[in-house]
Protein backbone atom coordinates (compact mmCIF):
# COMPACT_ATOMS: atom_id res chain seq x y z
CA MET A 1 -5.64 -9.87 -31.40
CA GLU A 2 -5.41 -6.60 -32.68
CA ILE A 3 -8.14 -4.62 -33.38
CA ASP A 4 -8.38 -1.33 -36.09
CA SER A 5 -12.21 -0.19 -34.83
CA VAL A 6 -14.71 -0.42 -32.76
CA ILE A 7 -16.18 -3.27 -34.86
CA SER A 8 -13.58 -5.38 -34.65
CA PHE A 9 -13.14 -4.83 -31.20
CA LEU A 10 -16.67 -5.95 -30.05
CA GLN A 11 -16.12 -9.08 -32.51
CA GLU A 12 -13.11 -9.75 -30.42
CA VAL A 13 -15.10 -9.31 -27.10
CA ASP A 14 -18.53 -11.83 -28.12
CA THR A 15 -15.22 -14.29 -28.38
CA HIS A 16 -14.30 -13.62 -24.34
CA GLU A 17 -18.46 -14.26 -22.83
CA ILE A 18 -17.10 -14.63 -19.35
CA ALA A 19 -14.96 -11.51 -19.18
CA LYS A 20 -16.36 -9.57 -16.85
CA MET A 21 -13.93 -6.53 -16.57
CA PHE A 22 -12.33 -4.29 -19.01
CA ARG A 23 -9.36 -1.93 -18.33
CA GLY A 24 -7.40 0.43 -21.36
CA HIS A 25 -4.57 1.12 -21.83
CA ALA A 26 -2.68 4.09 -23.91
CA ASN A 27 0.11 2.55 -24.55
CA ILE A 28 0.54 -1.72 -24.95
CA ASN A 29 3.64 -1.87 -22.56
CA TRP A 30 2.00 -0.90 -19.82
CA GLU A 31 1.74 -3.37 -17.08
CA LEU A 32 -1.22 -4.61 -14.83
CA LEU A 33 0.43 -2.29 -11.62
CA PRO A 34 -1.66 -0.95 -8.84
CA SER A 35 -0.47 2.71 -8.38
CA ILE A 36 0.92 2.16 -5.53
CA ALA A 37 3.18 -0.05 -6.94
CA ARG A 38 4.46 2.67 -8.38
CA ILE A 39 5.96 4.31 -5.57
CA GLN A 40 9.99 4.05 -5.56
CA HIS A 41 10.85 2.43 -2.08
CA ASP A 42 14.42 3.41 -2.65
CA SER A 43 13.48 6.75 -2.44
CA LEU A 44 11.58 6.30 0.72
CA GLU A 45 12.08 6.73 4.44
CA SER A 46 13.93 4.41 6.44
CA ASN A 47 11.20 4.47 9.00
CA TYR A 48 9.11 2.44 6.45
CA GLU A 49 11.34 -0.16 6.07
CA ASN A 50 10.38 -2.48 9.02
CA GLY A 51 6.94 -1.90 7.91
CA GLY A 52 7.27 -2.14 4.54
CA TRP A 53 3.83 -1.46 2.26
CA GLU A 54 1.74 -1.73 4.84
CA SER A 55 3.19 1.49 6.90
CA ILE A 56 3.16 2.90 3.20
CA GLU A 57 -0.21 2.77 2.72
CA THR A 58 -1.66 3.28 6.18
CA ASP A 59 0.40 6.91 5.93
CA LEU A 60 -1.18 7.88 2.70
CA ILE A 61 -4.42 6.90 3.60
CA ASN A 62 -3.97 8.91 6.90
CA SER A 63 -2.81 11.86 5.74
CA PHE A 64 -5.59 11.71 2.81
CA LYS A 65 -8.15 11.58 5.45
CA GLN A 66 -7.23 14.11 7.49
CA HIS A 67 -6.78 16.97 4.99
CA ALA A 68 -9.39 15.62 2.86
CA VAL A 69 -12.67 15.11 5.15
CA ARG A 70 -13.28 18.88 5.50
CA TYR A 71 -14.29 18.83 1.84
CA MET A 72 -16.66 15.71 2.28
CA THR A 73 -20.27 15.76 2.38
CA LYS A 74 -20.44 12.03 3.33
CA GLU A 75 -17.82 10.96 5.05
CA PRO A 76 -16.69 7.14 3.77
CA LYS A 77 -17.60 3.96 6.56
CA ASN A 78 -14.84 2.09 6.08
CA LYS A 79 -10.96 1.78 5.14
CA LEU A 80 -12.16 0.51 1.64
CA GLU A 81 -14.17 3.38 0.67
CA TRP A 82 -11.88 6.00 2.00
CA MET A 83 -9.34 3.92 -0.68
CA ILE A 84 -11.98 4.34 -3.20
CA GLN A 85 -12.52 7.85 -2.47
CA ALA A 86 -8.30 8.45 -2.42
CA GLN A 87 -7.61 6.72 -5.65
CA HIS A 88 -10.15 8.44 -7.53
CA HIS A 89 -8.64 11.53 -6.49
CA GLY A 90 -4.73 10.36 -7.13
CA VAL A 91 -3.65 8.93 -4.16
CA PRO A 92 -1.91 5.71 -5.25
CA THR A 93 -3.50 2.78 -3.72
CA ARG A 94 -3.76 -1.15 -4.06
CA LEU A 95 -6.99 -0.62 -6.42
CA LEU A 96 -6.84 -1.06 -10.08
CA ASP A 97 -9.42 0.68 -12.24
CA TRP A 98 -11.85 -1.23 -14.37
CA SER A 99 -14.94 -0.72 -16.11
CA SER A 100 -17.83 -2.87 -16.33
CA ASN A 101 -18.28 -1.58 -20.06
CA PRO A 102 -15.66 -2.81 -22.65
CA LEU A 103 -16.55 -0.03 -25.04
CA LYS A 104 -15.36 2.86 -21.93
CA ALA A 105 -12.44 0.56 -20.87
CA LEU A 106 -11.60 1.38 -25.22
CA TYR A 107 -11.74 4.67 -24.76
CA PHE A 108 -8.92 4.90 -22.42
CA ALA A 109 -6.70 3.11 -25.07
CA VAL A 110 -7.60 5.65 -27.05
CA GLU A 111 -8.51 9.22 -25.28
CA ASN A 112 -5.06 10.93 -25.28
CA PRO A 113 -3.69 11.74 -29.04
CA ALA A 114 -0.14 11.98 -27.40
CA TYR A 115 -0.25 8.39 -27.25
CA ASP A 116 -1.31 8.14 -30.98
CA ASN A 117 2.70 7.00 -32.24
CA VAL A 118 1.90 4.11 -30.04
CA ASP A 119 -0.06 0.92 -29.64
CA GLY A 120 -2.75 0.52 -26.77
CA SER A 121 -4.51 -2.22 -25.28
CA VAL A 122 -7.50 -3.57 -23.78
CA TYR A 123 -7.13 -6.26 -21.07
CA LEU A 124 -10.45 -8.70 -20.73
CA LEU A 125 -10.34 -10.36 -16.86
CA SER A 126 -12.54 -12.97 -16.12
CA PRO A 127 -12.09 -12.62 -11.96
CA SER A 128 -12.82 -16.05 -10.32
CA SER A 129 -13.73 -14.20 -7.10
CA TRP A 130 -16.46 -11.38 -8.05
CA SER A 131 -18.64 -9.29 -5.82
CA PRO A 132 -21.48 -7.19 -6.61
CA THR A 133 -20.64 -5.10 -3.34
CA PRO A 134 -17.99 -4.38 -1.94
CA HIS A 135 -19.50 -5.43 1.58
CA GLY A 136 -17.48 -8.43 3.40
CA VAL A 137 -14.11 -7.18 1.29
CA ASP A 138 -12.03 -6.58 4.51
CA VAL A 139 -8.67 -5.21 2.53
CA ASP A 140 -7.04 -5.94 5.28
CA SER A 141 -7.16 -9.82 6.16
CA ILE A 142 -7.89 -10.56 1.85
CA LYS A 143 -4.92 -12.84 0.58
CA THR A 144 -5.96 -13.19 -2.86
CA MET A 145 -7.04 -10.64 -5.39
CA LYS A 146 -11.15 -9.44 -4.84
CA ALA A 147 -12.71 -8.17 -7.87
CA PHE A 148 -15.90 -5.81 -6.59
CA TYR A 149 -18.13 -2.77 -7.76
CA PRO A 150 -18.32 0.15 -5.16
CA ASP A 151 -20.84 1.53 -3.12
CA ASN A 152 -21.85 4.90 -3.19
CA THR A 153 -20.28 5.55 -6.07
CA ASN A 154 -19.25 9.25 -7.55
CA ASP A 155 -20.82 10.83 -10.76
CA ARG A 156 -17.42 10.22 -12.49
CA VAL A 157 -17.31 6.58 -11.50
CA ALA A 158 -20.90 5.58 -11.86
CA SER A 159 -19.97 7.38 -15.99
CA GLN A 160 -17.27 5.40 -16.47
CA GLU A 161 -19.38 1.73 -15.06
CA GLY A 162 -16.20 1.73 -12.82
CA CYS A 163 -15.54 -1.74 -11.07
CA PHE A 164 -11.81 -2.69 -8.92
CA THR A 165 -9.32 -5.11 -8.36
CA ALA A 166 -8.13 -5.04 -4.57
CA PHE A 167 -4.25 -6.95 -4.45
CA PRO A 168 -2.99 -8.79 -1.24
CA LEU A 169 -1.76 -6.37 1.01
CA ARG A 170 2.24 -6.72 1.33
CA THR A 171 4.35 -6.33 4.30
CA ASP A 172 7.96 -6.37 2.29
CA LEU A 173 9.14 -3.55 0.29
CA LYS A 174 9.62 -5.91 -2.43
CA SER A 175 8.68 -4.45 -5.58
CA PHE A 176 5.30 -5.47 -6.89
CA LYS A 177 4.76 -8.19 -9.69
CA PRO A 178 2.87 -6.99 -13.14
CA MET A 179 -1.17 -9.49 -12.21
CA ARG A 180 0.39 -10.85 -15.49
CA HIS A 181 3.33 -12.53 -13.60
CA GLY A 182 1.70 -13.78 -10.68
CA PHE A 183 1.52 -10.76 -8.81
CA ALA A 184 -1.65 -12.43 -7.51
CA PRO A 185 -2.46 -16.63 -7.41
CA GLU A 186 -3.29 -17.77 -10.89
CA THR A 187 -6.36 -18.74 -9.15
CA ASP A 188 -7.14 -15.21 -8.71
CA ILE A 189 -8.20 -16.00 -12.39
CA VAL A 190 -10.30 -17.47 -14.59
CA ASN A 191 -9.12 -15.73 -17.24
CA LEU A 192 -7.13 -12.65 -18.67
CA THR A 193 -6.53 -11.77 -22.34
CA LYS A 194 -5.05 -8.47 -23.66
CA VAL A 195 -6.19 -7.28 -26.58
CA SER A 196 -4.07 -4.81 -28.86
CA VAL A 197 -4.81 -0.99 -30.53
CA LEU A 198 -3.51 -0.46 -33.92
CA LYS A 199 -1.80 3.11 -33.23
CA GLU A 200 -2.56 3.54 -36.72
CA ALA A 201 -6.35 3.65 -35.78
CA LYS A 202 -6.45 5.60 -32.72
CA SER A 203 -7.73 8.84 -34.18
CA ASP A 204 -10.50 6.30 -36.60
CA ILE A 205 -11.62 4.75 -33.32
CA ARG A 206 -11.92 7.96 -31.09
CA LYS A 207 -14.07 9.25 -33.48
CA GLN A 208 -16.18 6.13 -33.15
CA LEU A 209 -16.44 5.91 -29.78
CA ASN A 210 -17.67 10.28 -29.57
CA LYS A 211 -20.48 8.99 -32.29
CA LEU A 212 -21.70 6.26 -29.66
CA GLY A 213 -21.81 8.67 -26.97
CA ILE A 214 -18.43 7.68 -25.39
CA ASN A 215 -16.16 11.12 -25.07
CA ASP A 216 -14.58 13.45 -22.64
CA LEU A 217 -17.75 14.86 -21.37
CA THR A 218 -19.89 12.11 -20.59
CA ILE A 219 -16.58 9.71 -19.22
CA PHE A 220 -15.65 12.81 -16.87
CA PRO A 221 -18.72 14.42 -16.47
CA ASP A 222 -17.40 17.23 -14.36
CA LEU A 223 -15.55 20.36 -14.65
CA ASP A 224 -12.24 18.33 -15.08
CA GLY A 225 -14.23 16.88 -18.85
CA ILE A 226 -14.94 20.27 -20.04
CA ALA A 227 -11.31 21.13 -19.42
CA LYS A 228 -10.17 18.18 -20.88
CA SER A 229 -13.01 18.44 -24.37
CA LEU A 230 -12.00 21.96 -24.62
CA ARG A 231 -7.96 21.03 -24.57
CA ARG A 232 -8.32 18.28 -27.32
CA ARG A 233 -10.20 20.40 -29.14
CA PHE A 234 -7.46 23.13 -29.12
CA GLY A 235 -4.77 20.78 -29.34
CA VAL A 236 -3.86 21.08 -25.87
CA LEU A 237 -2.88 17.60 -25.23
């Protein structure tokens, strides 16, 4: 399905009533992969070979903890909360960001004019395992993909109506497979739909979303959002 306006997008969403999670991509060719999967493992130190991705993840989270705790007013309670914080600040994790609001996912498909030369996409997901909180989601022992809302969300996650999927831990260094290719078993997904966002319509959709109050300032309610809005205003992509 191809869409060229907010209205046509909402009409398509209405045909997928069971969809609970939405994720926008500026480039239609981007796959559904957690950020840790983007690490080029063939260039890593040899001491990760035996521990696989598990040792890489442990190193990433422990290093983030070591340096981040002094900047926090409230320390995360468990590994999953640490992963959410790390993900928020750009550290690669097994988490994949989604939104429970389809229009906010559409924003991420069109927000960057640098990608106006390529079609975007929005994924609509209906997971079989869904939790309103992260309680009970033990990321070290899950065997299938888990979808959940975070607790104690920061302002940015709250503004984006953020939610996450947590992928099973890999103990080898084989490349990750995108969700559509069965990285998570098929039983983890009730339905996964990909909606194409026409490149010719991205500029107009940005204007339509702005009229609805969905823009850089509301999606990123912090200094980064202000700076991003000013860069876009003066054509600095």
